[in-house]
Amino acid sequence: MKLPSHIAIIMDGNGRWGLKKYNDRNKGHYYGLQNINKVVKDCIKSNIKYLTLYTFSTE
């Protein structure tokens, strides 16, 4: 199977998830970062050339 050369991820909902599950937005951001670490490692192993992460929001 041919893999894409570019993957883009919109990180939306980490804070809301942490607030709902742990009553703490920061925990949501912490676990989101843990998942991004896994994604980056998998992209490197799979020779994905570009990874774009949209991580900033004003809300």
Protein backbone atom coordinates (compact mmCIF):
# COMPACT_ATOMS: atom_id res chain seq x y z
CA MET A 1 0.00 0.00 0.00
CA LYS A 2 1.31 3.45 -0.94
CA LEU A 3 1.46 5.88 1.98
CA PRO A 4 0.90 9.63 1.63
CA SER A 5 3.87 11.97 1.67
CA HIS A 6 2.00 14.58 3.73
CA ILE A 7 -0.34 14.15 6.72
CA ALA A 8 -2.16 17.09 8.31
CA ILE A 9 -3.84 16.90 11.73
CA ILE A 10 -6.14 19.44 13.35
CA MET A 11 -5.85 18.98 17.09
CA ASP A 12 -9.33 19.90 18.24
CA GLY A 13 -11.06 18.93 21.45
CA ASN A 14 -8.16 18.00 23.72
CA GLY A 15 -9.07 20.63 26.30
CA ARG A 16 -12.78 19.80 26.19
CA TRP A 17 -12.02 16.09 26.51
CA GLY A 18 -9.76 16.70 29.53
CA LEU A 19 -12.37 18.93 31.14
CA LYS A 20 -15.11 16.34 30.61
CA LYS A 21 -13.08 13.30 31.68
CA TYR A 22 -10.79 14.75 34.38
CA ASN A 23 -12.29 18.18 35.12
CA ASP A 24 -8.92 19.56 33.98
CA ARG A 25 -8.23 21.07 30.53
CA ASN A 26 -4.48 20.67 31.01
CA LYS A 27 -4.81 16.89 31.30
CA GLY A 28 -6.48 16.88 27.90
CA HIS A 29 -3.57 18.81 26.43
CA TYR A 30 -1.09 16.49 28.15
CA TYR A 31 -2.68 13.35 26.69
CA GLY A 32 -2.99 15.03 23.30
CA LEU A 33 0.76 15.66 23.36
CA GLN A 34 1.41 12.01 24.23
CA ASN A 35 -0.57 10.97 21.15
CA ILE A 36 1.30 13.45 18.96
CA ASN A 37 4.60 11.95 20.14
CA LYS A 38 3.37 8.55 18.92
CA VAL A 39 2.20 10.02 15.60
CA VAL A 40 5.57 11.70 14.98
CA LYS A 41 7.45 8.47 15.69
CA ASP A 42 5.12 6.50 13.39
CA CYS A 43 5.54 9.08 10.61
CA ILE A 44 9.32 8.83 10.91
CA LYS A 45 9.20 5.01 10.81
CA SER A 46 6.88 5.13 7.79
CA ASN A 47 8.97 7.71 5.92
CA ILE A 48 6.16 10.27 5.82
CA LYS A 49 7.93 13.34 4.45
CA TYR A 50 5.65 16.08 5.86
CA LEU A 51 3.52 16.30 9.00
CA THR A 52 1.44 19.42 9.61
CA LEU A 53 -0.12 20.01 13.03
CA TYR A 54 -2.62 22.78 13.63
CA THR A 55 -2.34 23.29 17.37
CA PHE A 56 -3.27 26.88 18.16
CA SER A 57 -6.69 28.23 18.96
CA THR A 58 -7.86 31.43 20.65
CA GLU A 59 -10.78 29.78 22.43
